[in-house]
Amino acid sequence: MKKQSKAFFFILLAVILLVGVGQYQLSRQGSITFPFINKERTFKLDGNSKQSTPSVVSNQVTVSIDFGKGKKAEEKVEAKTVYEALKKLTELKGLQLEAKQYKYGLLVERIGNSSNSADSAWIYWVNGKAGQIASDRYQVAPQDKIEWKYEKISQ
């Protein structure tokens, strides 16, 4: 019975330690990132053997900027986050990009000639859903469709 008690104690201690590390990461970063979760893997069979070898599929996403009044920019880029995709698109199109760092992540304040104001702001969407966290913390998946829209703020 003592061996079972010791085993139980060590398992409980390991679980508590893992939870503590997770809480520490959350308090430091606001989120925990598991980079291996967002990587899609494919397996190709080699013609000479029956072993499969994993290869990482590219993390290519489509990103667009909608300035309103029919003016848009769009490209496919390699990116890990929504913000990285936007940054690559603005660099490709020669557009000015301004963002401000806050405790919970970056806030895009200006793209091109359009800046956030009391009336309008830059909002991003991924696969038709509005973002709920800072764009530099949103990890994208291959084939995601990211849209940045300069939208009126309802008051």
Foldseek 3Di string as FASTA:
>chain_A
DVVVVVVVVVVVVVVVVVVVVLVVVCVQQVDDDDPVVQWDWDWDADPVDRDTDIDTDFQKEKEKEDADPPDMFIDIDGDFWQVRVVVVRCVVVVWDWDWDADSQGIATADTHPDGDDLFKGKWKDKPRHTDDGYRVPHTGHHHIYMYIYTDTDDD
